[in-house]
Amino acid sequence: MSDLLPIFPLPNVVLFPNVFLALHIFEPRYREMVADAVASDRMFGMVLLRPGWEHDYEGRPPVYSVGCSGVITHVERLPDGRYNIVLRGLERFRILSEDHTRSYRRANVDALVEDPLSDDDRGNVRRQRAKLETLLAPAAEKTGHEIKIPSAMSDEDLVNALAQYLDLEPLEKQALLEKDNLRVRAEALVELLEMKVLMARTPNASHVAH
């Protein structure tokens, strides 16, 4: 990562490594950020705004310290200066400090490198993957859309993609991003989905009881 990483704070978006994110850039300060990124290393970081950001959105409201850097893989500049871009997640980082010399936010960051998984950890992740596939099956039946998980997709890519694309609360996604490694992230994602399944069933159960 460069010394100062441009950061793009949003209230509802969390990026994960090796997952793609489509963004529409319309604010002048972030148009400038994208133009500068395209002219250099095509990189910036996504971070989540902390609750209460509404009072100071135009300024520099507080953000969560852990985010994910990304590289612009596709860029379309519209005639009025807005951008449509696609960002691919690269690696997690922690913000150490911010620089305020540009219209957009930049930060000194530390890359968060995950420890290699042991054989036991890998076995555990495979078990969590099987649970995830089982948990997703009822949702597929309900919507009529079969969720096909490519067998060739790595465990890490699958867990990160589900964490980003599933209909979870931003704070739930942030908590998953902050997990130290793939094993604990996979376990937390399974627990989260199991809890949601249980909560979805509970109203029906209480209705039947009455």
Protein backbone atom coordinates (compact mmCIF):
# COMPACT_ATOMS: atom_id res chain seq x y z
CA MET A 1 0.00 0.00 0.00
CA SER A 2 1.14 3.58 -0.61
CA ASP A 3 2.11 5.73 2.39
CA LEU A 4 -1.23 7.54 2.35
CA LEU A 5 -4.26 5.54 1.29
CA PRO A 6 -7.32 7.48 0.07
CA ILE A 7 -10.35 6.28 2.02
CA PHE A 8 -13.99 6.29 0.97
CA PRO A 9 -16.32 6.19 3.99
CA LEU A 10 -19.91 5.05 3.50
CA PRO A 11 -22.65 4.25 6.02
CA ASN A 12 -23.74 0.92 4.52
CA VAL A 13 -20.88 -0.67 2.55
CA VAL A 14 -18.18 -3.06 3.80
CA LEU A 15 -15.61 -4.44 1.35
CA PHE A 16 -13.90 -7.82 1.78
CA PRO A 17 -10.67 -9.10 0.19
CA ASN A 18 -11.01 -10.51 -3.33
CA VAL A 19 -14.69 -9.52 -3.61
CA PHE A 20 -15.98 -7.11 -6.27
CA LEU A 21 -17.96 -3.97 -5.48
CA ALA A 22 -19.71 -1.69 -8.00
CA LEU A 23 -19.81 1.97 -6.99
CA HIS A 24 -21.38 5.11 -8.43
CA ILE A 25 -19.26 8.14 -7.55
CA PHE A 26 -21.04 11.50 -7.64
CA GLU A 27 -19.73 13.70 -4.80
CA PRO A 28 -17.10 16.18 -6.05
CA ARG A 29 -14.53 15.20 -3.39
CA TYR A 30 -14.78 11.52 -4.29
CA ARG A 31 -14.74 12.25 -8.01
CA GLU A 32 -11.39 13.91 -7.31
CA MET A 33 -10.31 10.86 -5.31
CA VAL A 34 -11.15 8.48 -8.18
CA ALA A 35 -9.43 10.73 -10.75
CA ASP A 36 -6.28 10.81 -8.58
CA ALA A 37 -6.41 7.04 -8.01
CA VAL A 38 -6.81 6.29 -11.72
CA ALA A 39 -3.80 8.52 -12.41
CA SER A 40 -1.64 6.63 -9.88
CA ASP A 41 -2.01 3.12 -8.43
CA ARG A 42 -5.84 2.82 -8.84
CA MET A 43 -6.19 2.05 -5.13
CA PHE A 44 -8.31 3.35 -2.27
CA GLY A 45 -9.82 1.92 0.89
CA MET A 46 -13.44 1.38 1.90
CA VAL A 47 -14.32 2.16 5.53
CA LEU A 48 -17.62 2.14 7.41
CA LEU A 49 -18.95 5.31 9.03
CA ARG A 50 -19.72 5.06 12.73
CA PRO A 51 -23.28 5.70 13.94
CA GLY A 52 -24.11 9.40 14.18
CA TRP A 53 -22.34 10.26 10.92
CA GLU A 54 -25.45 12.08 9.65
CA HIS A 55 -24.60 15.21 11.68
CA ASP A 56 -21.27 15.72 9.92
CA TYR A 57 -21.38 13.82 6.62
CA GLU A 58 -19.96 16.74 4.65
CA GLY A 59 -17.06 16.92 7.10
CA ARG A 60 -14.97 14.08 8.48
CA PRO A 61 -17.24 11.99 10.72
CA PRO A 62 -15.67 9.13 12.70
CA VAL A 63 -15.12 5.81 10.92
CA TYR A 64 -14.32 2.29 12.09
CA SER A 65 -10.55 1.83 12.16
CA VAL A 66 -10.55 -1.46 10.20
CA GLY A 67 -11.31 -1.29 6.48
CA CYS A 68 -10.33 -3.00 3.24
CA SER A 69 -8.26 -1.62 0.40
CA GLY A 70 -9.34 -2.15 -3.19
CA VAL A 71 -8.07 -1.69 -6.72
CA ILE A 72 -10.19 -0.16 -9.48
CA THR A 73 -10.64 -2.84 -12.15
CA HIS A 74 -13.16 -0.96 -14.29
CA VAL A 75 -13.83 2.76 -14.63
CA GLU A 76 -16.38 4.67 -16.69
CA ARG A 77 -16.33 8.47 -16.54
CA LEU A 78 -19.74 9.94 -17.36
CA PRO A 79 -20.12 13.19 -19.33
CA ASP A 80 -21.10 15.17 -16.21
CA GLY A 81 -18.00 14.04 -14.30
CA ARG A 82 -19.56 11.23 -12.26
CA TYR A 83 -17.98 7.77 -12.33
CA ASN A 84 -19.15 4.19 -12.43
CA ILE A 85 -16.37 1.97 -11.12
CA VAL A 86 -15.75 -1.60 -10.03
CA LEU A 87 -13.45 -2.16 -7.08
CA ARG A 88 -11.83 -5.49 -6.18
CA GLY A 89 -10.98 -5.96 -2.51
CA LEU A 90 -7.30 -6.46 -1.74
CA GLU A 91 -6.42 -6.58 1.95
CA ARG A 92 -7.65 -5.49 5.34
CA PHE A 93 -6.00 -2.54 7.07
CA ARG A 94 -6.14 -0.56 10.28
CA ILE A 95 -6.16 3.26 10.23
CA LEU A 96 -3.36 4.77 12.31
CA SER A 97 -3.97 8.45 11.54
CA GLU A 98 -5.60 10.67 8.93
CA ASP A 99 -4.25 13.32 6.61
CA HIS A 100 -6.50 16.32 5.87
CA THR A 101 -4.60 18.13 3.11
CA ARG A 102 -6.94 17.04 0.28
CA SER A 103 -10.66 17.46 -0.27
CA TYR A 104 -11.07 13.72 0.33
CA ARG A 105 -9.81 11.69 3.27
CA ARG A 106 -6.47 9.89 3.28
CA ALA A 107 -4.97 7.75 6.01
CA ASN A 108 -1.78 6.18 7.26
CA VAL A 109 -2.67 2.51 7.51
CA ASP A 110 -1.17 -0.79 8.66
CA ALA A 111 -1.95 -3.86 6.55
CA LEU A 112 -3.59 -6.61 8.63
CA VAL A 113 -1.91 -9.82 7.51
CA GLU A 114 -3.73 -12.97 8.58
CA ASP A 115 -1.76 -15.85 10.08
CA PRO A 116 -1.60 -18.99 7.92
CA LEU A 117 -4.24 -21.56 8.88
CA SER A 118 -3.19 -24.82 10.53
CA ASP A 119 -4.49 -28.14 9.19
CA ASP A 120 -7.00 -28.21 12.06
CA ASP A 121 -8.17 -24.70 11.14
CA ARG A 122 -8.59 -25.70 7.49
CA GLY A 123 -10.67 -28.72 8.51
CA ASN A 124 -12.80 -26.47 10.69
CA VAL A 125 -13.32 -24.00 7.80
CA ARG A 126 -14.40 -26.85 5.52
CA ARG A 127 -17.00 -27.88 8.12
CA GLN A 128 -18.22 -24.29 8.34
CA ARG A 129 -18.46 -24.17 4.54
CA ALA A 130 -20.72 -27.23 4.57
CA LYS A 131 -22.90 -25.56 7.22
CA LEU A 132 -23.11 -22.39 5.14
CA GLU A 133 -24.24 -24.34 2.08
CA THR A 134 -26.92 -26.05 4.22
CA LEU A 135 -28.08 -22.73 5.71
CA LEU A 136 -28.36 -21.13 2.27
CA ALA A 137 -30.51 -23.93 0.79
CA PRO A 138 -33.83 -22.85 2.46
CA ALA A 139 -33.28 -19.25 1.32
CA ALA A 140 -32.83 -20.50 -2.22
CA GLU A 141 -36.08 -22.49 -2.02
CA LYS A 142 -37.93 -19.47 -0.63
CA THR A 143 -36.83 -17.10 -3.39
CA GLY A 144 -36.89 -19.67 -6.17
CA HIS A 145 -33.31 -18.75 -7.03
CA GLU A 146 -30.88 -21.59 -6.60
CA ILE A 147 -27.69 -20.44 -4.93
CA LYS A 148 -24.91 -22.27 -6.72
CA ILE A 149 -21.59 -22.25 -4.93
CA PRO A 150 -18.82 -23.20 -7.35
CA SER A 151 -16.84 -26.11 -5.90
CA ALA A 152 -13.67 -24.57 -7.32
CA MET A 153 -14.22 -21.40 -5.25
CA SER A 154 -11.74 -21.29 -2.37
CA ASP A 155 -13.04 -21.37 1.20
CA GLU A 156 -11.65 -17.87 1.80
CA ASP A 157 -13.27 -16.36 -1.30
CA LEU A 158 -16.59 -18.03 -0.46
CA VAL A 159 -16.70 -16.81 3.15
CA ASN A 160 -15.69 -13.27 2.14
CA ALA A 161 -18.18 -13.15 -0.76
CA LEU A 162 -21.06 -14.32 1.45
CA ALA A 163 -20.07 -11.85 4.17
CA GLN A 164 -20.24 -9.02 1.63
CA TYR A 165 -23.19 -10.03 -0.54
CA LEU A 166 -25.65 -11.52 1.96
CA ASP A 167 -28.37 -9.26 3.33
CA LEU A 168 -26.66 -8.48 6.64
CA GLU A 169 -26.58 -5.27 8.65
CA PRO A 170 -23.52 -3.07 7.97
CA LEU A 171 -22.37 -3.45 11.59
CA GLU A 172 -22.63 -7.24 11.27
CA LYS A 173 -20.45 -7.10 8.16
CA GLN A 174 -17.98 -4.83 9.91
CA ALA A 175 -17.71 -7.31 12.80
CA LEU A 176 -16.98 -10.10 10.29
CA LEU A 177 -14.32 -8.00 8.54
CA GLU A 178 -12.59 -7.38 11.88
CA LYS A 179 -12.22 -11.11 12.68
CA ASP A 180 -8.56 -12.10 12.93
CA ASN A 181 -8.58 -14.97 10.45
CA LEU A 182 -10.69 -17.06 8.12
CA ARG A 183 -11.60 -19.69 10.72
CA VAL A 184 -13.14 -17.24 13.19
CA ARG A 185 -14.80 -15.29 10.35
CA ALA A 186 -16.39 -18.48 8.99
CA GLU A 187 -17.55 -19.53 12.47
CA ALA A 188 -19.02 -16.08 13.15
CA LEU A 189 -20.82 -16.03 9.80
CA VAL A 190 -22.38 -19.45 10.50
CA GLU A 191 -23.48 -18.31 13.99
CA LEU A 192 -24.97 -15.13 12.55
CA LEU A 193 -26.97 -17.00 9.88
CA GLU A 194 -28.13 -19.64 12.38
CA MET A 195 -29.36 -16.86 14.67
CA LYS A 196 -31.24 -15.22 11.79
CA VAL A 197 -32.87 -18.53 10.85
CA LEU A 198 -33.92 -19.01 14.48
CA MET A 199 -35.32 -15.47 14.72
CA ALA A 200 -37.24 -15.95 11.48
CA ARG A 201 -38.85 -19.11 12.88
CA THR A 202 -39.68 -17.68 16.31
CA PRO A 203 -42.64 -15.44 15.34
CA ASN A 204 -44.30 -18.39 13.59
CA ALA A 205 -43.75 -20.60 16.62
CA SER A 206 -45.26 -18.04 19.00
CA HIS A 207 -48.18 -17.48 16.63
CA VAL A 208 -48.94 -21.22 16.61
CA ALA A 209 -48.66 -21.35 20.41
CA HIS A 210 -51.37 -18.70 20.76
